């Protein structure tokens, strides 16, 4: 729903998911929907600073349960909150953290890695030397192609052509 731009539906579904997590006391499952719900709310122009406390709590929880995918998802969403406020150095720090955490296991979640590379490309093009953005874009297109994520291949290739 989030990818399709159906943000209201995504928000409702994720709120239901969090309610079920609370009802069943499955606290270890909380970080993922918090990350996705926060990203949806960012797209709906909710002020980023108001989202960070829940994200920081979810990040701590994901670290406690030692789930590299959830750690990376939360770190990526935290990066997006800073990027929206043009705190690009903080955003890039969180993206580096997200990438490091998502790659620490042998069972890497490729879709999350591709999204992190996309964000690193886009944010570094605003923040730093274009060489860094170009390097991220080349990694992005390569991973997206290997994992058959065609929409990302097109976006990354378009960035490289610029």
N, C-alpha and C. Protein backbone atom coordinates (compact mmCIF):
# COMPACT_ATOMS: atom_id res chain seq x y z
N UNK A 1 0.82 -1.18 0.00
CA UNK A 1 0.00 0.00 0.00
C UNK A 1 0.87 1.25 0.00
N UNK A 2 1.96 1.21 0.75
CA UNK A 2 2.85 2.36 0.82
C UNK A 2 3.47 2.62 -0.55
N UNK A 3 3.96 1.58 -1.19
CA UNK A 3 4.58 1.73 -2.50
C UNK A 3 3.57 2.21 -3.53
N UNK A 4 2.34 1.79 -3.40
CA UNK A 4 1.28 2.20 -4.33
C UNK A 4 0.77 3.61 -4.04
N UNK A 5 1.27 4.24 -2.96
CA UNK A 5 0.82 5.59 -2.63
C UNK A 5 -0.51 5.64 -1.90
N UNK A 6 -0.99 4.51 -1.46
CA UNK A 6 -2.26 4.47 -0.72
C UNK A 6 -1.95 4.67 0.77
N UNK A 7 -1.58 5.89 1.11
CA UNK A 7 -1.06 6.18 2.45
C UNK A 7 -2.11 6.03 3.54
N UNK A 8 -3.32 6.45 3.29
CA UNK A 8 -4.37 6.31 4.32
C UNK A 8 -4.63 4.84 4.61
N UNK A 9 -4.68 4.02 3.56
CA UNK A 9 -4.88 2.58 3.76
C UNK A 9 -3.69 1.97 4.49
N UNK A 10 -2.49 2.39 4.11
CA UNK A 10 -1.29 1.88 4.78
C UNK A 10 -1.30 2.24 6.26
N UNK A 11 -1.63 3.50 6.55
CA UNK A 11 -1.68 3.94 7.95
C UNK A 11 -2.68 3.10 8.75
N UNK A 12 -3.85 2.89 8.18
CA UNK A 12 -4.89 2.11 8.88
C UNK A 12 -4.41 0.68 9.13
N UNK A 13 -3.85 0.07 8.10
CA UNK A 13 -3.37 -1.31 8.22
C UNK A 13 -2.26 -1.39 9.27
N UNK A 14 -1.33 -0.44 9.25
CA UNK A 14 -0.22 -0.46 10.20
C UNK A 14 -0.68 -0.17 11.63
N UNK A 15 -1.64 0.70 11.79
CA UNK A 15 -2.20 0.95 13.13
C UNK A 15 -2.90 -0.31 13.66
N UNK A 16 -3.62 -1.01 12.78
CA UNK A 16 -4.23 -2.28 13.17
C UNK A 16 -3.16 -3.30 13.55
N UNK A 17 -2.10 -3.32 12.80
CA UNK A 17 -0.98 -4.22 13.08
C UNK A 17 -0.40 -3.94 14.47
N UNK A 18 -0.17 -2.66 14.76
CA UNK A 18 0.37 -2.29 16.07
C UNK A 18 -0.60 -2.62 17.19
N UNK A 19 -1.89 -2.45 16.95
CA UNK A 19 -2.90 -2.80 17.96
C UNK A 19 -2.87 -4.30 18.23
N UNK A 20 -2.74 -5.10 17.19
CA UNK A 20 -2.65 -6.55 17.36
C UNK A 20 -1.38 -6.94 18.12
N UNK A 21 -0.29 -6.27 17.81
CA UNK A 21 0.96 -6.52 18.52
C UNK A 21 0.78 -6.23 20.01
N UNK A 22 0.14 -5.11 20.31
CA UNK A 22 -0.11 -4.76 21.72
C UNK A 22 -1.05 -5.76 22.38
N UNK A 23 -2.10 -6.13 21.68
CA UNK A 23 -3.08 -7.07 22.22
C UNK A 23 -2.43 -8.42 22.52
N UNK A 24 -1.61 -8.90 21.62
CA UNK A 24 -0.97 -10.21 21.78
C UNK A 24 0.33 -10.14 22.59
N UNK A 25 0.73 -8.92 22.91
CA UNK A 25 1.99 -8.68 23.66
C UNK A 25 3.20 -9.25 22.92
N UNK A 26 3.23 -9.03 21.62
CA UNK A 26 4.33 -9.46 20.77
C UNK A 26 5.27 -8.29 20.54
N UNK A 27 5.78 -7.74 21.59
CA UNK A 27 6.55 -6.51 21.53
C UNK A 27 7.74 -6.59 20.57
N UNK A 28 8.33 -7.76 20.41
CA UNK A 28 9.49 -7.91 19.54
C UNK A 28 9.15 -7.64 18.07
N UNK A 29 7.86 -7.67 17.70
CA UNK A 29 7.46 -7.43 16.32
C UNK A 29 7.20 -5.94 16.04
N UNK A 30 7.27 -5.11 17.05
CA UNK A 30 6.88 -3.71 16.96
C UNK A 30 7.75 -2.86 16.01
N UNK A 31 9.06 -3.05 15.95
CA UNK A 31 9.87 -2.11 15.16
C UNK A 31 9.49 -1.99 13.68
N UNK A 32 9.18 -3.10 13.03
CA UNK A 32 8.90 -3.01 11.60
C UNK A 32 7.69 -2.13 11.29
N UNK A 33 6.52 -2.36 11.88
CA UNK A 33 5.39 -1.47 11.55
C UNK A 33 5.62 -0.03 12.00
N UNK A 34 6.40 0.17 13.07
CA UNK A 34 6.71 1.55 13.48
C UNK A 34 7.51 2.25 12.38
N UNK A 35 8.48 1.54 11.81
CA UNK A 35 9.29 2.13 10.73
C UNK A 35 8.44 2.46 9.52
N UNK A 36 7.61 1.53 9.10
CA UNK A 36 6.80 1.73 7.89
C UNK A 36 5.73 2.80 8.13
N UNK A 37 5.10 2.78 9.30
CA UNK A 37 4.09 3.80 9.62
C UNK A 37 4.73 5.19 9.66
N UNK A 38 5.90 5.28 10.21
CA UNK A 38 6.59 6.58 10.26
C UNK A 38 6.93 7.07 8.86
N UNK A 39 7.36 6.16 7.99
CA UNK A 39 7.64 6.57 6.61
C UNK A 39 6.36 7.05 5.92
N UNK A 40 5.26 6.35 6.14
CA UNK A 40 3.99 6.76 5.56
C UNK A 40 3.60 8.15 6.07
N UNK A 41 3.78 8.37 7.34
CA UNK A 41 3.42 9.68 7.91
C UNK A 41 4.33 10.78 7.40
N UNK A 42 5.60 10.47 7.18
CA UNK A 42 6.50 11.46 6.57
C UNK A 42 5.98 11.87 5.20
N UNK A 43 5.50 10.90 4.45
CA UNK A 43 4.96 11.19 3.11
C UNK A 43 3.69 12.02 3.18
N UNK A 44 3.04 11.98 4.34
CA UNK A 44 1.82 12.78 4.54
C UNK A 44 2.13 14.09 5.23
N UNK A 45 3.41 14.45 5.28
CA UNK A 45 3.89 15.74 5.83
C UNK A 45 3.70 15.89 7.33
N UNK A 46 3.70 14.79 8.06
CA UNK A 46 3.71 14.86 9.53
C UNK A 46 5.10 15.37 9.93
N UNK A 47 5.19 16.30 10.87
CA UNK A 47 6.50 16.82 11.27
C UNK A 47 7.43 15.71 11.75
N UNK A 48 8.63 15.64 11.18
CA UNK A 48 9.57 14.55 11.49
C UNK A 48 9.97 14.47 12.96
N UNK A 49 10.14 15.59 13.61
CA UNK A 49 10.59 15.57 15.01
C UNK A 49 9.58 14.84 15.90
N UNK A 50 8.31 14.91 15.56
CA UNK A 50 7.29 14.22 16.35
C UNK A 50 7.31 12.71 16.17
N UNK A 51 7.91 12.24 15.10
CA UNK A 51 7.99 10.80 14.84
C UNK A 51 9.21 10.16 15.50
N UNK A 52 10.22 10.96 15.78
CA UNK A 52 11.47 10.39 16.27
C UNK A 52 11.39 9.66 17.60
N UNK A 53 10.63 10.11 18.59
CA UNK A 53 10.60 9.35 19.85
C UNK A 53 10.16 7.89 19.66
N UNK A 54 9.12 7.65 18.88
CA UNK A 54 8.68 6.27 18.64
C UNK A 54 9.73 5.51 17.85
N UNK A 55 10.38 6.17 16.90
CA UNK A 55 11.43 5.52 16.12
C UNK A 55 12.63 5.17 17.00
N UNK A 56 13.00 6.09 17.87
CA UNK A 56 14.15 5.82 18.75
C UNK A 56 13.84 4.67 19.71
N UNK A 57 12.62 4.63 20.21
CA UNK A 57 12.22 3.52 21.08
C UNK A 57 12.23 2.20 20.30
N UNK A 58 11.73 2.22 19.08
CA UNK A 58 11.73 1.01 18.25
C UNK A 58 13.15 0.60 17.88
N UNK A 59 14.04 1.58 17.69
CA UNK A 59 15.43 1.25 17.38
C UNK A 59 16.07 0.54 18.57
N UNK A 60 15.84 1.07 19.76
CA UNK A 60 16.38 0.42 20.96
C UNK A 60 15.85 -1.00 21.11
N UNK A 61 14.56 -1.17 20.87
CA UNK A 61 13.96 -2.50 20.96
C UNK A 61 14.56 -3.44 19.91
N UNK A 62 14.72 -2.96 18.69
CA UNK A 62 15.28 -3.83 17.64
C UNK A 62 16.72 -4.22 17.97
N UNK A 63 17.45 -3.32 18.63
CA UNK A 63 18.81 -3.66 19.08
C UNK A 63 18.77 -4.70 20.19
N UNK A 64 17.80 -4.59 21.08
CA UNK A 64 17.67 -5.56 22.17
C UNK A 64 17.37 -6.96 21.63
N UNK A 65 16.51 -7.04 20.63
CA UNK A 65 16.18 -8.36 20.07
C UNK A 65 17.18 -8.78 19.00
N UNK A 66 18.12 -7.91 18.71
CA UNK A 66 19.22 -8.18 17.78
C UNK A 66 18.73 -8.61 16.40
N UNK A 67 17.79 -7.83 15.87
CA UNK A 67 17.27 -8.10 14.55
C UNK A 67 17.86 -7.08 13.57
N UNK A 68 18.84 -7.48 12.76
CA UNK A 68 19.52 -6.53 11.89
C UNK A 68 18.60 -5.88 10.86
N UNK A 69 17.60 -6.59 10.41
CA UNK A 69 16.68 -6.04 9.43
C UNK A 69 15.84 -4.92 10.07
N UNK A 70 15.33 -5.17 11.25
CA UNK A 70 14.53 -4.15 11.91
C UNK A 70 15.38 -2.97 12.34
N UNK A 71 16.60 -3.24 12.79
CA UNK A 71 17.52 -2.15 13.14
C UNK A 71 17.75 -1.26 11.92
N UNK A 72 17.99 -1.89 10.78
CA UNK A 72 18.25 -1.14 9.55
C UNK A 72 17.01 -0.37 9.09
N UNK A 73 15.85 -0.98 9.18
CA UNK A 73 14.62 -0.31 8.75
C UNK A 73 14.36 0.94 9.59
N UNK A 74 14.55 0.83 10.88
CA UNK A 74 14.34 1.98 11.76
C UNK A 74 15.40 3.05 11.48
N UNK A 75 16.66 2.62 11.35
CA UNK A 75 17.74 3.59 11.08
C UNK A 75 17.48 4.32 9.76
N UNK A 76 17.00 3.61 8.76
CA UNK A 76 16.67 4.24 7.47
C UNK A 76 15.57 5.27 7.64
N UNK A 77 14.54 4.93 8.39
CA UNK A 77 13.44 5.87 8.57
C UNK A 77 13.89 7.08 9.38
N UNK A 78 14.73 6.86 10.38
CA UNK A 78 15.30 8.00 11.11
C UNK A 78 16.08 8.90 10.16
N UNK A 79 16.81 8.30 9.24
CA UNK A 79 17.55 9.08 8.25
C UNK A 79 16.60 9.95 7.42
N UNK A 80 15.47 9.38 7.04
CA UNK A 80 14.50 10.14 6.25
C UNK A 80 13.95 11.33 7.04
N UNK A 81 13.77 11.16 8.36
CA UNK A 81 13.27 12.29 9.15
C UNK A 81 14.26 13.45 9.14
N UNK A 82 15.55 13.13 9.18
CA UNK A 82 16.56 14.20 9.15
C UNK A 82 16.70 14.80 7.76
N UNK A 83 16.57 13.98 6.72
CA UNK A 83 16.68 14.49 5.35
C UNK A 83 15.60 15.51 5.05
N UNK A 84 14.40 15.26 5.53
CA UNK A 84 13.29 16.19 5.30
C UNK A 84 13.58 17.56 5.91
N UNK A 85 14.30 17.56 7.01
CA UNK A 85 14.65 18.82 7.67
C UNK A 85 15.99 19.39 7.18
N UNK A 86 16.52 18.81 6.11
CA UNK A 86 17.80 19.22 5.52
C UNK A 86 18.98 19.08 6.48
N UNK A 87 18.86 18.17 7.44
CA UNK A 87 19.99 17.81 8.29
C UNK A 87 20.67 16.61 7.62
N UNK A 88 21.33 16.92 6.50
CA UNK A 88 21.80 15.87 5.61
C UNK A 88 22.96 15.07 6.19
N UNK A 89 23.81 15.68 6.99
CA UNK A 89 24.92 14.93 7.60
C UNK A 89 24.36 13.87 8.55
N UNK A 90 23.39 14.26 9.38
CA UNK A 90 22.76 13.28 10.29
C UNK A 90 22.05 12.20 9.50
N UNK A 91 21.40 12.60 8.43
CA UNK A 91 20.70 11.64 7.60
C UNK A 91 21.67 10.62 7.02
N UNK A 92 22.78 11.08 6.49
CA UNK A 92 23.77 10.16 5.91
C UNK A 92 24.38 9.26 6.99
N UNK A 93 24.58 9.79 8.19
CA UNK A 93 25.08 8.96 9.30
C UNK A 93 24.12 7.81 9.59
N UNK A 94 22.81 8.11 9.64
CA UNK A 94 21.82 7.07 9.91
C UNK A 94 21.74 6.07 8.75
N UNK A 95 21.91 6.55 7.52
CA UNK A 95 21.90 5.62 6.38
C UNK A 95 23.11 4.70 6.40
N UNK A 96 24.27 5.23 6.78
CA UNK A 96 25.45 4.36 6.91
C UNK A 96 25.20 3.30 7.99
N UNK A 97 24.59 3.73 9.07
CA UNK A 97 24.26 2.80 10.16
C UNK A 97 23.27 1.75 9.67
N UNK A 98 22.27 2.17 8.93
CA UNK A 98 21.27 1.23 8.40
C UNK A 98 21.93 0.20 7.49
N UNK A 99 22.79 0.67 6.64
CA UNK A 99 23.44 -0.25 5.71
C UNK A 99 24.35 -1.23 6.43
N UNK A 100 25.09 -0.73 7.40
CA UNK A 100 25.98 -1.61 8.18
C UNK A 100 25.18 -2.68 8.90
N UNK A 101 24.10 -2.27 9.52
CA UNK A 101 23.30 -3.23 10.29
C UNK A 101 22.60 -4.24 9.39
N UNK A 102 22.11 -3.79 8.25
CA UNK A 102 21.39 -4.73 7.38
C UNK A 102 22.32 -5.74 6.73
N UNK A 103 23.59 -5.44 6.67
CA UNK A 103 24.55 -6.33 6.02
C UNK A 103 25.33 -7.19 7.02
N UNK A 104 25.02 -7.07 8.29
CA UNK A 104 25.83 -7.77 9.29
C UNK A 104 25.53 -9.26 9.33
N UNK A 105 24.39 -9.66 8.81
CA UNK A 105 24.00 -11.07 8.80
C UNK A 105 24.20 -11.63 7.40
N UNK A 106 24.28 -12.94 7.30
CA UNK A 106 24.41 -13.55 5.98
C UNK A 106 23.08 -13.57 5.24
N UNK A 107 21.98 -13.41 5.94
CA UNK A 107 20.65 -13.41 5.34
C UNK A 107 20.20 -11.97 5.14
N UNK A 108 20.76 -11.31 4.14
CA UNK A 108 20.51 -9.89 3.92
C UNK A 108 19.15 -9.70 3.25
N UNK A 109 18.40 -8.73 3.73
CA UNK A 109 17.12 -8.37 3.13
C UNK A 109 17.41 -7.42 1.98
N UNK A 110 17.45 -7.95 0.77
CA UNK A 110 17.90 -7.19 -0.40
C UNK A 110 17.02 -5.97 -0.69
N UNK A 111 15.73 -6.09 -0.53
CA UNK A 111 14.85 -4.95 -0.81
C UNK A 111 15.17 -3.77 0.10
N UNK A 112 15.47 -4.06 1.36
CA UNK A 112 15.84 -2.99 2.28
C UNK A 112 17.19 -2.40 1.88
N UNK A 113 18.14 -3.24 1.50
CA UNK A 113 19.45 -2.75 1.04
C UNK A 113 19.28 -1.84 -0.18
N UNK A 114 18.42 -2.21 -1.11
CA UNK A 114 18.19 -1.39 -2.30
C UNK A 114 17.59 -0.04 -1.90
N UNK A 115 16.64 -0.06 -0.98
CA UNK A 115 16.03 1.20 -0.52
C UNK A 115 17.06 2.09 0.17
N UNK A 116 17.93 1.50 0.96
CA UNK A 116 18.97 2.26 1.65
C UNK A 116 19.91 2.89 0.61
N UNK A 117 20.32 2.12 -0.39
CA UNK A 117 21.19 2.66 -1.43
C UNK A 117 20.50 3.79 -2.20
N UNK A 118 19.22 3.63 -2.46
CA UNK A 118 18.46 4.69 -3.13
C UNK A 118 18.49 5.97 -2.30
N UNK A 119 18.24 5.83 -0.99
CA UNK A 119 18.26 6.99 -0.11
C UNK A 119 19.66 7.59 -0.02
N UNK A 120 20.69 6.74 0.06
CA UNK A 120 22.05 7.26 0.12
C UNK A 120 22.38 8.04 -1.15
N UNK A 121 21.95 7.54 -2.29
CA UNK A 121 22.19 8.24 -3.56
C UNK A 121 21.50 9.60 -3.57
N UNK A 122 20.22 9.59 -3.26
CA UNK A 122 19.43 10.82 -3.33
C UNK A 122 19.90 11.86 -2.32
N UNK A 123 20.17 11.43 -1.10
CA UNK A 123 20.56 12.39 -0.06
C UNK A 123 21.99 12.85 -0.26
N UNK A 124 22.89 11.96 -0.66
CA UNK A 124 24.27 12.40 -0.87
C UNK A 124 24.38 13.34 -2.06
N UNK A 125 23.47 13.23 -3.02
CA UNK A 125 23.50 14.17 -4.16
C UNK A 125 23.14 15.58 -3.70
N UNK A 126 22.39 15.69 -2.61
CA UNK A 126 22.04 17.00 -2.04
C UNK A 126 23.09 17.47 -1.04
N UNK A 127 23.81 16.52 -0.46
CA UNK A 127 24.67 16.83 0.68
C UNK A 127 26.14 16.97 0.35
N UNK A 128 26.64 16.09 -0.47
CA UNK A 128 28.09 16.04 -0.59
C UNK A 128 28.58 15.98 -2.01
N UNK A 129 29.77 15.48 -2.13
CA UNK A 129 30.35 15.41 -3.47
C UNK A 129 29.55 14.47 -4.37
N UNK A 130 29.42 14.88 -5.63
CA UNK A 130 28.64 14.09 -6.58
C UNK A 130 29.28 12.73 -6.82
N UNK A 131 30.59 12.62 -6.59
CA UNK A 131 31.26 11.33 -6.76
C UNK A 131 30.68 10.28 -5.82
N UNK A 132 30.39 10.68 -4.60
CA UNK A 132 29.80 9.74 -3.63
C UNK A 132 28.42 9.32 -4.09
N UNK A 133 27.63 10.27 -4.53
CA UNK A 133 26.28 9.95 -5.01
C UNK A 133 26.36 9.01 -6.21
N UNK A 134 27.29 9.26 -7.10
CA UNK A 134 27.45 8.40 -8.27
C UNK A 134 27.86 6.98 -7.87
N UNK A 135 28.75 6.87 -6.90
CA UNK A 135 29.17 5.54 -6.43
C UNK A 135 28.00 4.78 -5.81
N UNK A 136 27.21 5.48 -4.99
CA UNK A 136 26.02 4.84 -4.41
C UNK A 136 25.06 4.41 -5.52
N UNK A 137 24.87 5.27 -6.52
CA UNK A 137 23.94 4.96 -7.61
C UNK A 137 24.39 3.71 -8.37
N UNK A 138 25.68 3.55 -8.56
CA UNK A 138 26.18 2.38 -9.27
C UNK A 138 25.97 1.10 -8.45
N UNK A 139 26.15 1.21 -7.14
CA UNK A 139 25.84 0.05 -6.28
C UNK A 139 24.35 -0.24 -6.30
N UNK A 140 23.57 0.83 -6.28
CA UNK A 140 22.11 0.72 -6.29
C UNK A 140 21.63 -0.01 -7.55
N UNK A 141 22.09 0.45 -8.72
CA UNK A 141 21.64 -0.18 -9.96
C UNK A 141 22.09 -1.64 -10.03
N UNK A 142 23.29 -1.91 -9.54
CA UNK A 142 23.81 -3.27 -9.57
C UNK A 142 22.98 -4.22 -8.69
N UNK A 143 22.74 -3.81 -7.44
CA UNK A 143 21.96 -4.66 -6.54
C UNK A 143 20.52 -4.78 -7.02
N UNK A 144 19.95 -3.69 -7.49
CA UNK A 144 18.57 -3.73 -7.98
C UNK A 144 18.46 -4.68 -9.17
N UNK A 145 19.44 -4.66 -10.05
CA UNK A 145 19.41 -5.56 -11.21
C UNK A 145 19.55 -7.02 -10.78
N UNK A 146 20.47 -7.28 -9.84
CA UNK A 146 20.67 -8.66 -9.37
C UNK A 146 19.44 -9.22 -8.67
N UNK A 147 18.65 -8.34 -8.06
CA UNK A 147 17.49 -8.80 -7.29
C UNK A 147 16.16 -8.56 -8.04
N UNK A 148 16.27 -8.23 -9.32
CA UNK A 148 15.09 -8.09 -10.19
C UNK A 148 14.13 -7.00 -9.72
N UNK A 149 14.66 -5.92 -9.23
CA UNK A 149 13.84 -4.79 -8.80
C UNK A 149 13.86 -3.73 -9.90
N UNK A 150 13.09 -3.98 -10.94
CA UNK A 150 13.15 -3.20 -12.17
C UNK A 150 12.88 -1.71 -11.98
N UNK A 151 11.93 -1.37 -11.15
CA UNK A 151 11.64 0.05 -10.94
C UNK A 151 12.85 0.77 -10.35
N UNK A 152 13.57 0.09 -9.46
CA UNK A 152 14.78 0.68 -8.89
C UNK A 152 15.90 0.76 -9.93
N UNK A 153 15.99 -0.24 -10.80
CA UNK A 153 17.01 -0.20 -11.86
C UNK A 153 16.78 1.05 -12.71
N UNK A 154 15.54 1.31 -13.07
CA UNK A 154 15.21 2.49 -13.88
C UNK A 154 15.56 3.78 -13.15
N UNK A 155 15.21 3.88 -11.88
CA UNK A 155 15.51 5.10 -11.11
C UNK A 155 17.00 5.32 -10.97
N UNK A 156 17.74 4.24 -10.65
CA UNK A 156 19.19 4.36 -10.48
C UNK A 156 19.86 4.72 -11.80
N UNK A 157 19.45 4.08 -12.88
CA UNK A 157 20.03 4.37 -14.20
C UNK A 157 19.75 5.81 -14.59
N UNK A 158 18.56 6.30 -14.30
CA UNK A 158 18.23 7.70 -14.60
C UNK A 158 19.13 8.64 -13.81
N UNK A 159 19.41 8.29 -12.57
CA UNK A 159 20.30 9.14 -11.77
C UNK A 159 21.70 9.15 -12.38
N UNK A 160 22.19 8.00 -12.79
CA UNK A 160 23.54 7.91 -13.36
C UNK A 160 23.62 8.70 -14.66
N UNK A 161 22.55 8.66 -15.46
CA UNK A 161 22.54 9.39 -16.74
C UNK A 161 22.58 10.90 -16.55
N UNK A 162 22.13 11.39 -15.41
CA UNK A 162 22.10 12.84 -15.18
C UNK A 162 23.45 13.42 -15.30
